[in-house]
Amino acid sequence: MAELIYYCGTMDSGKSTLALQTAHNHHSRGRSGVIFTNKDRAGVGVLSSRLGLSSPAIEVNQGMDLHKHVIDRLSAGDRIDYIICDEAQFYERGQIEQLAKIVDGLGIDVNAFGILTDFQTLLFPGSARLIELADRVHALQVEALCWCGSRATHNARTKGGVMVVEGEQVVVGDVTQGAEIAYEVLCRRHHMRQVTARASRAGHTSLEPLPFNE
């Protein structure tokens, strides 16, 4: 039975590396597949890893019908044994439903890779729909680390090294330090306190309790 599987984690947890490795494993066994991506850091139509690996991919644009794309490829005589979907958090809810339709109607395995929550700790629409529909959801085994050494569980957006908590849900950036708009993975404690690595080096830490409302 074909399955829709979602592999998820924070930024810096190796999801794109695993997506590329999964595609390589299939290809090395003589299987043919399709690789989709959306808003990869390397540009349009590329699936890239921070380790320096990359592969051509099909960019998933707004309103694109993934089920129709696969049907058209099959009708043209292409063989499709598997589908890899990177940056799946950015896909539309309807596109996730199309992936489920591909699995159930065409019997093709779909492996999706993405980030669960945004910089405000809210689920991305694509990730939410994947959790609702996937046959299996796997947390990535490579644990990203907060600057304090604890397991990183949240993604923080920074501007000029300072954490920001408002703005558009999707703003493309990277974990490269020094970039104007960048991302940093933090443990929940330091995400709630808005203490980034830069703030820690500057001594802006606090031992006061977290500011929960009574």
C-alpha atoms as a PDB file:
ATOM      1  CA  MET A   1       0.000   0.000   0.000  1.00  0.00           C
ATOM      2  CA  ALA A   2       1.305   3.430  -0.923  1.00  0.00           C
ATOM      3  CA  GLU A   3       1.679   5.914   1.932  1.00  0.00           C
ATOM      4  CA  LEU A   4       1.823   9.637   2.584  1.00  0.00           C
ATOM      5  CA  ILE A   5       4.599  10.166   5.131  1.00  0.00           C
ATOM      6  CA  TYR A   6       5.559  13.483   6.723  1.00  0.00           C
ATOM      7  CA  TYR A   7       9.060  13.998   8.137  1.00  0.00           C
ATOM      8  CA  CYS A   8       9.181  17.184  10.187  1.00  0.00           C
ATOM      9  CA  GLY A   9      11.453  19.131  12.486  1.00  0.00           C
ATOM     10  CA  THR A  10      12.845  22.577  13.182  1.00  0.00           C
ATOM     11  CA  MET A  11      15.173  24.389  10.845  1.00  0.00           C
ATOM     12  CA  ASP A  12      18.698  22.930  10.920  1.00  0.00           C
ATOM     13  CA  SER A  13      17.400  19.411  11.653  1.00  0.00           C
ATOM     14  CA  GLY A  14      18.481  17.941   8.318  1.00  0.00           C
ATOM     15  CA  LYS A  15      15.128  17.626   6.568  1.00  0.00           C
ATOM     16  CA  SER A  16      16.408  18.618   3.119  1.00  0.00           C
ATOM     17  CA  THR A  17      19.432  16.353   3.541  1.00  0.00           C
ATOM     18  CA  LEU A  18      17.102  13.457   4.332  1.00  0.00           C
ATOM     19  CA  ALA A  19      14.915  14.352   1.336  1.00  0.00           C
ATOM     20  CA  LEU A  20      17.961  14.223  -0.946  1.00  0.00           C
ATOM     21  CA  GLN A  21      19.137  10.956   0.630  1.00  0.00           C
ATOM     22  CA  THR A  22      15.682   9.419   0.174  1.00  0.00           C
ATOM     23  CA  ALA A  23      15.650  10.421  -3.492  1.00  0.00           C
ATOM     24  CA  HIS A  24      19.172   8.996  -3.931  1.00  0.00           C
ATOM     25  CA  ASN A  25      18.168   5.680  -2.334  1.00  0.00           C
ATOM     26  CA  HIS A  26      15.233   5.286  -4.713  1.00  0.00           C
ATOM     27  CA  HIS A  27      17.264   6.331  -7.761  1.00  0.00           C
ATOM     28  CA  SER A  28      20.092   3.922  -6.904  1.00  0.00           C
ATOM     29  CA  ARG A  29      17.567   1.071  -7.031  1.00  0.00           C
ATOM     30  CA  GLY A  30      16.451   2.024 -10.521  1.00  0.00           C
ATOM     31  CA  ARG A  31      13.260   3.735  -9.417  1.00  0.00           C
ATOM     32  CA  SER A  32      11.987   6.923 -11.074  1.00  0.00           C
ATOM     33  CA  GLY A  33      10.402   9.779  -9.198  1.00  0.00           C
ATOM     34  CA  VAL A  34       9.418  13.420  -9.026  1.00  0.00           C
ATOM     35  CA  ILE A  35      10.917  15.991  -6.649  1.00  0.00           C
ATOM     36  CA  PHE A  36       8.831  19.003  -5.648  1.00  0.00           C
ATOM     37  CA  THR A  37       9.987  21.967  -3.587  1.00  0.00           C
ATOM     38  CA  ASN A  38       8.875  25.468  -2.648  1.00  0.00           C
ATOM     39  CA  LYS A  39      10.940  28.549  -1.758  1.00  0.00           C
ATOM     40  CA  ASP A  40      14.221  26.714  -1.288  1.00  0.00           C
ATOM     41  CA  ARG A  41      17.082  28.904  -0.033  1.00  0.00           C
ATOM     42  CA  ALA A  42      19.063  28.126  -3.216  1.00  0.00           C
ATOM     43  CA  GLY A  43      16.406  29.544  -5.532  1.00  0.00           C
ATOM     44  CA  VAL A  44      13.575  28.395  -7.782  1.00  0.00           C
ATOM     45  CA  GLY A  45      13.456  24.760  -8.853  1.00  0.00           C
ATOM     46  CA  VAL A  46      16.211  23.505  -6.550  1.00  0.00           C
ATOM     47  CA  LEU A  47      16.211  21.200  -3.536  1.00  0.00           C
ATOM     48  CA  SER A  48      19.327  22.054  -1.523  1.00  0.00           C
ATOM     49  CA  SER A  49      20.936  21.063   1.736  1.00  0.00           C
ATOM     50  CA  ARG A  50      23.188  23.132   3.981  1.00  0.00           C
ATOM     51  CA  LEU A  51      25.756  20.352   3.561  1.00  0.00           C
ATOM     52  CA  GLY A  52      26.191  21.492  -0.031  1.00  0.00           C
ATOM     53  CA  LEU A  53      24.098  18.825  -1.755  1.00  0.00           C
ATOM     54  CA  SER A  54      21.418  19.789  -4.267  1.00  0.00           C
ATOM     55  CA  SER A  55      19.128  18.412  -6.941  1.00  0.00           C
ATOM     56  CA  PRO A  56      16.870  19.908  -9.612  1.00  0.00           C
ATOM     57  CA  ALA A  57      13.240  20.031  -8.507  1.00  0.00           C
ATOM     58  CA  ILE A  58       9.851  21.241  -9.665  1.00  0.00           C
ATOM     59  CA  GLU A  59       8.774  24.485  -8.005  1.00  0.00           C
ATOM     60  CA  VAL A  60       5.323  24.269  -6.424  1.00  0.00           C
ATOM     61  CA  ASN A  61       3.668  27.565  -7.257  1.00  0.00           C
ATOM     62  CA  GLN A  62       0.479  28.978  -5.806  1.00  0.00           C
ATOM     63  CA  GLY A  63      -2.545  27.259  -7.312  1.00  0.00           C
ATOM     64  CA  MET A  64      -0.521  24.461  -8.924  1.00  0.00           C
ATOM     65  CA  ASP A  65      -2.466  21.196  -9.182  1.00  0.00           C
ATOM     66  CA  LEU A  66      -0.007  18.505  -8.111  1.00  0.00           C
ATOM     67  CA  HIS A  67      -2.393  15.659  -8.907  1.00  0.00           C
ATOM     68  CA  LYS A  68      -2.921  16.950 -12.450  1.00  0.00           C
ATOM     69  CA  HIS A  69       0.826  17.407 -12.903  1.00  0.00           C
ATOM     70  CA  VAL A  70       1.436  13.771 -12.009  1.00  0.00           C
ATOM     71  CA  ILE A  71      -1.455  12.558 -14.191  1.00  0.00           C
ATOM     72  CA  ASP A  72      -0.071  14.538 -17.145  1.00  0.00           C
ATOM     73  CA  ARG A  73       3.377  13.026 -16.632  1.00  0.00           C
ATOM     74  CA  LEU A  74       1.977   9.508 -16.462  1.00  0.00           C
ATOM     75  CA  SER A  75      -0.181  10.117 -19.546  1.00  0.00           C
ATOM     76  CA  ALA A  76       2.956  11.226 -21.402  1.00  0.00           C
ATOM     77  CA  GLY A  77       4.548   7.871 -20.631  1.00  0.00           C
ATOM     78  CA  ASP A  78       6.707   8.857 -17.662  1.00  0.00           C
ATOM     79  CA  ARG A  79       7.266   6.322 -14.913  1.00  0.00           C
ATOM     80  CA  ILE A  80       6.733   7.621 -11.375  1.00  0.00           C
ATOM     81  CA  ASP A  81       7.495   5.256  -8.494  1.00  0.00           C
ATOM     82  CA  TYR A  82       7.791   7.836  -5.736  1.00  0.00           C
ATOM     83  CA  ILE A  83       7.386  11.557  -4.992  1.00  0.00           C
ATOM     84  CA  ILE A  84       9.573  13.722  -2.763  1.00  0.00           C
ATOM     85  CA  CYS A  85       8.095  16.982  -1.436  1.00  0.00           C
ATOM     86  CA  ASP A  86      10.497  19.325   0.334  1.00  0.00           C
ATOM     87  CA  GLU A  87       9.498  22.556   2.111  1.00  0.00           C
ATOM     88  CA  ALA A  88       6.029  21.051   2.383  1.00  0.00           C
ATOM     89  CA  GLN A  89       5.050  23.549   5.076  1.00  0.00           C
ATOM     90  CA  PHE A  90       4.687  26.146   2.311  1.00  0.00           C
ATOM     91  CA  TYR A  91       2.252  24.078   0.220  1.00  0.00           C
ATOM     92  CA  GLU A  92      -1.401  25.060   0.197  1.00  0.00           C
ATOM     93  CA  ARG A  93      -3.880  22.925   2.101  1.00  0.00           C
ATOM     94  CA  GLY A  94      -5.480  21.895  -1.189  1.00  0.00           C
ATOM     95  CA  GLN A  95      -2.111  20.791  -2.524  1.00  0.00           C
ATOM     96  CA  ILE A  96      -1.630  18.523   0.473  1.00  0.00           C
ATOM     97  CA  GLU A  97      -5.025  17.004  -0.283  1.00  0.00           C
ATOM     98  CA  GLN A  98      -3.838  16.444  -3.862  1.00  0.00           C
ATOM     99  CA  LEU A  99      -0.839  14.528  -2.511  1.00  0.00           C
ATOM    100  CA  ALA A 100      -3.180  12.277  -0.534  1.00  0.00           C
ATOM    101  CA  LYS A 101      -5.208  11.772  -3.704  1.00  0.00           C
ATOM    102  CA  ILE A 102      -2.046  10.723  -5.550  1.00  0.00           C
ATOM    103  CA  VAL A 103      -1.288   8.137  -2.865  1.00  0.00           C
ATOM    104  CA  ASP A 104      -4.797   6.711  -2.686  1.00  0.00           C
ATOM    105  CA  GLY A 105      -5.778   6.908  -6.344  1.00  0.00           C
ATOM    106  CA  LEU A 106      -2.487   6.286  -8.134  1.00  0.00           C
ATOM    107  CA  GLY A 107      -0.692   4.106  -5.600  1.00  0.00           C
ATOM    108  CA  ILE A 108       2.436   6.282  -5.530  1.00  0.00           C
ATOM    109  CA  ASP A 109       4.384   6.803  -2.302  1.00  0.00           C
ATOM    110  CA  VAL A 110       4.738  10.431  -1.232  1.00  0.00           C
ATOM    111  CA  ASN A 111       7.458  11.462   1.241  1.00  0.00           C
ATOM    112  CA  ALA A 112       7.015  15.036   2.459  1.00  0.00           C
ATOM    113  CA  PHE A 113       9.588  17.007   4.445  1.00  0.00           C
ATOM    114  CA  GLY A 114       9.023  20.266   6.269  1.00  0.00           C
ATOM    115  CA  ILE A 115       8.902  22.489   9.318  1.00  0.00           C
ATOM    116  CA  LEU A 116       5.947  22.228  11.678  1.00  0.00           C
ATOM    117  CA  THR A 117       5.672  25.747  13.076  1.00  0.00           C
ATOM    118  CA  ASP A 118       6.558  29.294  12.072  1.00  0.00           C
ATOM    119  CA  PHE A 119       8.496  31.972  13.987  1.00  0.00           C
ATOM    120  CA  GLN A 120       5.380  32.685  16.068  1.00  0.00           C
ATOM    121  CA  THR A 121       5.092  28.983  17.062  1.00  0.00           C
ATOM    122  CA  LEU A 122       1.953  28.572  14.900  1.00  0.00           C
ATOM    123  CA  LEU A 123       1.456  25.600  12.593  1.00  0.00           C
ATOM    124  CA  PHE A 124       1.998  26.269   8.908  1.00  0.00           C
ATOM    125  CA  PRO A 125      -1.211  25.471   6.953  1.00  0.00           C
ATOM    126  CA  GLY A 126       0.592  22.837   4.882  1.00  0.00           C
ATOM    127  CA  SER A 127       2.019  21.153   7.959  1.00  0.00           C
ATOM    128  CA  ALA A 128      -1.324  21.216   9.735  1.00  0.00           C
ATOM    129  CA  ARG A 129      -3.022  19.479   6.813  1.00  0.00           C
ATOM    130  CA  LEU A 130      -0.233  16.917   6.572  1.00  0.00           C
ATOM    131  CA  ILE A 131      -0.643  16.039  10.242  1.00  0.00           C
ATOM    132  CA  GLU A 132      -4.359  15.589   9.613  1.00  0.00           C
ATOM    133  CA  LEU A 133      -3.963  13.421   6.496  1.00  0.00           C
ATOM    134  CA  ALA A 134      -0.604  11.638   6.621  1.00  0.00           C
ATOM    135  CA  ASP A 135      -0.441   7.892   7.164  1.00  0.00           C
ATOM    136  CA  ARG A 136       2.606   8.502   9.334  1.00  0.00           C
ATOM    137  CA  VAL A 137       4.299  11.544  10.863  1.00  0.00           C
ATOM    138  CA  HIS A 138       7.949  11.215  11.891  1.00  0.00           C
ATOM    139  CA  ALA A 139       9.961  13.703  13.933  1.00  0.00           C
ATOM    140  CA  LEU A 140      13.461  13.969  12.464  1.00  0.00           C
ATOM    141  CA  GLN A 141      16.059  12.178  14.552  1.00  0.00           C
ATOM    142  CA  VAL A 142      18.786  14.802  14.103  1.00  0.00           C
ATOM    143  CA  GLU A 143      18.179  17.261  16.924  1.00  0.00           C
ATOM    144  CA  ALA A 144      19.002  20.907  16.264  1.00  0.00           C
ATOM    145  CA  LEU A 145      20.464  22.680  19.279  1.00  0.00           C
ATOM    146  CA  CYS A 146      19.708  26.010  20.885  1.00  0.00           C
ATOM    147  CA  TRP A 147      22.679  28.270  21.656  1.00  0.00           C
ATOM    148  CA  CYS A 148      22.434  27.059  25.278  1.00  0.00           C
ATOM    149  CA  GLY A 149      22.975  23.437  24.220  1.00  0.00           C
ATOM    150  CA  SER A 150      19.412  22.277  24.883  1.00  0.00           C
ATOM    151  CA  ARG A 151      17.299  20.643  22.198  1.00  0.00           C
ATOM    152  CA  ALA A 152      15.915  23.321  19.863  1.00  0.00           C
ATOM    153  CA  THR A 153      12.161  23.095  19.426  1.00  0.00           C
ATOM    154  CA  HIS A 154      11.211  26.476  17.970  1.00  0.00           C
ATOM    155  CA  ASN A 155      12.179  28.638  15.002  1.00  0.00           C
ATOM    156  CA  ALA A 156      12.945  32.293  15.646  1.00  0.00           C
ATOM    157  CA  ARG A 157      13.108  35.038  13.019  1.00  0.00           C
ATOM    158  CA  THR A 158      15.717  37.704  13.572  1.00  0.00           C
ATOM    159  CA  LYS A 159      16.321  41.102  12.007  1.00  0.00           C
ATOM    160  CA  GLY A 160      19.800  42.424  12.494  1.00  0.00           C
ATOM    161  CA  GLY A 161      20.318  39.725  15.113  1.00  0.00           C
ATOM    162  CA  VAL A 162      17.271  40.742  17.158  1.00  0.00           C
ATOM    163  CA  MET A 163      14.296  38.405  17.451  1.00  0.00           C
ATOM    164  CA  VAL A 164      11.056  39.645  15.893  1.00  0.00           C
ATOM    165  CA  VAL A 165       7.595  38.320  16.755  1.00  0.00           C
ATOM    166  CA  GLU A 166       5.408  40.078  14.177  1.00  0.00           C
ATOM    167  CA  GLY A 167       5.235  40.039  10.398  1.00  0.00           C
ATOM    168  CA  GLU A 168       4.265  37.851   7.449  1.00  0.00           C
ATOM    169  CA  GLN A 169       4.251  34.122   8.127  1.00  0.00           C
ATOM    170  CA  VAL A 170       6.449  33.345   5.120  1.00  0.00           C
ATOM    171  CA  VAL A 171       9.649  35.343   4.700  1.00  0.00           C
ATOM    172  CA  VAL A 172      12.492  33.460   3.041  1.00  0.00           C
ATOM    173  CA  GLY A 173      15.732  33.537   5.009  1.00  0.00           C
ATOM    174  CA  ASP A 174      18.423  31.227   6.311  1.00  0.00           C
ATOM    175  CA  VAL A 175      20.221  30.351   9.514  1.00  0.00           C
ATOM    176  CA  THR A 176      23.306  32.254   8.332  1.00  0.00           C
ATOM    177  CA  GLN A 177      24.449  34.571  11.075  1.00  0.00           C
ATOM    178  CA  GLY A 178      24.909  38.176   9.983  1.00  0.00           C
ATOM    179  CA  ALA A 179      22.126  38.200   7.413  1.00  0.00           C
ATOM    180  CA  GLU A 180      19.634  41.049   7.795  1.00  0.00           C
ATOM    181  CA  ILE A 181      16.681  38.643   7.898  1.00  0.00           C
ATOM    182  CA  ALA A 182      17.711  35.292   9.333  1.00  0.00           C
ATOM    183  CA  TYR A 183      16.404  32.408  11.381  1.00  0.00           C
ATOM    184  CA  GLU A 184      17.679  30.795  14.544  1.00  0.00           C
ATOM    185  CA  VAL A 185      16.529  27.663  16.331  1.00  0.00           C
ATOM    186  CA  LEU A 186      15.904  28.011  20.062  1.00  0.00           C
ATOM    187  CA  CYS A 187      14.656  25.908  22.933  1.00  0.00           C
ATOM    188  CA  ARG A 188      11.167  26.843  24.150  1.00  0.00           C
ATOM    189  CA  ARG A 189      12.533  28.647  27.211  1.00  0.00           C
ATOM    190  CA  HIS A 190      14.699  31.039  25.215  1.00  0.00           C
ATOM    191  CA  HIS A 191      12.135  31.460  22.447  1.00  0.00           C
ATOM    192  CA  MET A 192       9.562  32.568  25.012  1.00  0.00           C
ATOM    193  CA  ARG A 193      12.101  34.939  26.553  1.00  0.00           C
ATOM    194  CA  GLN A 194      13.238  36.127  23.103  1.00  0.00           C
ATOM    195  CA  VAL A 195      16.870  35.431  23.984  1.00  0.00           C
ATOM    196  CA  THR A 196      18.860  34.773  20.821  1.00  0.00           C
ATOM    197  CA  ALA A 197      22.540  33.808  20.672  1.00  0.00           C
ATOM    198  CA  ARG A 198      23.403  37.465  20.033  1.00  0.00           C
ATOM    199  CA  ALA A 199      21.357  38.618  23.020  1.00  0.00           C
ATOM    200  CA  SER A 200      23.041  35.984  25.174  1.00  0.00           C
ATOM    201  CA  ARG A 201      26.514  37.180  24.175  1.00  0.00           C
ATOM    202  CA  ALA A 202      25.447  40.726  25.010  1.00  0.00           C
ATOM    203  CA  GLY A 203      24.369  39.578  28.466  1.00  0.00           C
ATOM    204  CA  HIS A 204      20.657  40.182  27.874  1.00  0.00           C
ATOM    205  CA  THR A 205      19.456  37.164  29.837  1.00  0.00           C
ATOM    206  CA  SER A 206      16.925  37.076  32.603  1.00  0.00           C
ATOM    207  CA  LEU A 207      16.289  34.719  35.496  1.00  0.00           C
ATOM    208  CA  GLU A 208      12.775  36.082  36.010  1.00  0.00           C
ATOM    209  CA  PRO A 209       9.816  33.758  35.417  1.00  0.00           C
ATOM    210  CA  LEU A 210       8.261  33.694  31.982  1.00  0.00           C
ATOM    211  CA  PRO A 211       5.602  36.427  31.563  1.00  0.00           C
ATOM    212  CA  PHE A 212       2.486  34.239  31.521  1.00  0.00           C
ATOM    213  CA  ASN A 213      -0.779  35.975  32.290  1.00  0.00           C
ATOM    214  CA  GLU A 214      -2.558  34.811  35.395  1.00  0.00           C
END
